[in-house]
Amino acid sequence: MLTSHPEGVILAVRAQPGSKRDEIRGAQDGSLKVSVTQSPEKGKANKAIRKLLAKSLELKISQIELLAGETTTQKKFLLKNTDLETMKTKIINSGEAK
């Protein structure tokens, strides 16, 4: 789910656009499952995922960059200027990794 990167940490995400609410649903198959209400058209869901990750992981939206998976449910986000241990702790402490 989390991998070190020279600029920060790579987070694997499994996106579920068009859900009833925006929420992080926990770990699933090596990814963090994230549900958002936005539809996947024109990058709306990706934008909503970045916003939700920023809020949940206490990061700025500018620190979160989509590296792969722009049009698929399997995505990789670069969380800039942070480290692996900090992100593990934030995910666990917020009760989002089950």
Protein backbone atom coordinates (compact mmCIF):
# COMPACT_ATOMS: atom_id res chain seq x y z
CA MET A 1 0.00 0.00 0.00
CA LEU A 2 2.85 2.42 0.87
CA THR A 3 6.24 2.55 -0.85
CA SER A 4 9.19 4.87 -0.26
CA HIS A 5 10.03 7.35 -3.03
CA PRO A 6 12.83 9.95 -3.25
CA GLU A 7 10.24 12.76 -3.09
CA GLY A 8 8.03 11.17 -0.41
CA VAL A 9 5.76 8.13 -0.37
CA ILE A 10 3.75 6.33 -3.06
CA LEU A 11 0.26 5.32 -1.95
CA ALA A 12 -1.65 2.65 -3.88
CA VAL A 13 -5.36 3.48 -4.02
CA ARG A 14 -8.36 1.52 -5.22
CA ALA A 15 -10.94 4.12 -6.23
CA GLN A 16 -14.68 3.69 -6.10
CA PRO A 17 -16.27 6.70 -7.83
CA GLY A 18 -20.00 7.37 -7.74
CA SER A 19 -20.43 6.19 -4.13
CA LYS A 20 -22.99 7.45 -1.64
CA ARG A 21 -20.35 9.35 0.37
CA ASP A 22 -16.69 10.33 0.42
CA GLU A 23 -14.77 8.00 2.71
CA ILE A 24 -11.64 5.95 3.15
CA ARG A 25 -12.80 2.39 3.59
CA GLY A 26 -9.54 0.73 4.69
CA ALA A 27 -6.95 -1.54 3.15
CA GLN A 28 -7.92 -4.03 0.47
CA ASP A 29 -5.60 -6.17 -1.67
CA GLY A 30 -2.56 -3.99 -0.98
CA SER A 31 -4.36 -0.71 -1.70
CA LEU A 32 -6.24 1.88 0.31
CA LYS A 33 -9.88 1.72 -0.78
CA VAL A 34 -11.29 5.21 -1.28
CA SER A 35 -14.92 5.98 -2.16
CA VAL A 36 -16.02 9.34 -3.55
CA THR A 37 -19.38 10.69 -4.69
CA GLN A 38 -17.96 12.29 -7.84
CA SER A 39 -18.25 10.52 -11.17
CA PRO A 40 -15.08 9.50 -13.00
CA GLU A 41 -15.69 11.83 -15.94
CA LYS A 42 -13.25 14.65 -16.69
CA GLY A 43 -11.06 13.81 -13.68
CA LYS A 44 -13.69 14.80 -11.12
CA ALA A 45 -13.24 11.63 -9.06
CA ASN A 46 -9.44 11.97 -9.07
CA LYS A 47 -9.77 15.53 -7.78
CA ALA A 48 -12.17 14.38 -5.06
CA ILE A 49 -9.79 11.58 -4.03
CA ARG A 50 -6.88 14.04 -3.74
CA LYS A 51 -9.02 16.32 -1.57
CA LEU A 52 -10.13 13.45 0.69
CA LEU A 53 -6.57 12.11 1.04
CA ALA A 54 -5.29 15.59 1.89
CA LYS A 55 -7.88 16.03 4.62
CA SER A 56 -7.50 12.50 6.05
CA LEU A 57 -3.70 12.42 5.98
CA GLU A 58 -3.24 16.05 7.03
CA LEU A 59 -1.46 17.06 3.82
CA LYS A 60 -1.88 19.95 1.41
CA ILE A 61 -3.57 19.10 -1.89
CA SER A 62 -0.41 20.34 -3.62
CA GLN A 63 1.53 17.54 -1.87
CA ILE A 64 -0.56 14.86 -3.58
CA GLU A 65 0.17 13.99 -7.21
CA LEU A 66 -1.48 11.28 -9.30
CA LEU A 67 1.33 9.18 -10.79
CA ALA A 68 -0.64 6.39 -12.45
CA GLY A 69 -4.21 5.27 -13.05
CA GLU A 70 -5.87 8.42 -14.32
CA THR A 71 -8.65 6.43 -16.01
CA THR A 72 -8.66 3.22 -13.93
CA THR A 73 -9.75 2.28 -10.42
CA GLN A 74 -6.19 1.24 -9.47
CA LYS A 75 -4.20 4.41 -8.82
CA LYS A 76 -0.83 5.48 -7.44
CA PHE A 77 -0.46 8.80 -5.69
CA LEU A 78 2.81 10.45 -4.71
CA LEU A 79 2.57 12.03 -1.26
CA LYS A 80 5.34 14.62 -1.39
CA ASN A 81 7.55 15.83 1.45
CA THR A 82 6.60 13.10 3.91
CA ASP A 83 7.98 9.72 4.92
CA LEU A 84 6.78 6.15 5.11
CA GLU A 85 6.55 5.95 8.92
CA THR A 86 4.60 9.21 9.20
CA MET A 87 2.04 8.06 6.63
CA LYS A 88 1.69 4.60 8.20
CA THR A 89 1.04 6.22 11.56
CA LYS A 90 -1.52 8.69 10.15
CA ILE A 91 -3.42 5.96 8.36
CA ILE A 92 -3.44 3.67 11.41
CA ASN A 93 -4.23 6.43 13.94
CA SER A 94 -7.14 7.72 11.92
CA GLY A 95 -8.64 4.22 11.99
CA GLU A 96 -8.68 3.98 8.21
CA ALA A 97 -6.49 0.91 7.77
CA LYS A 98 -8.44 -2.13 8.85
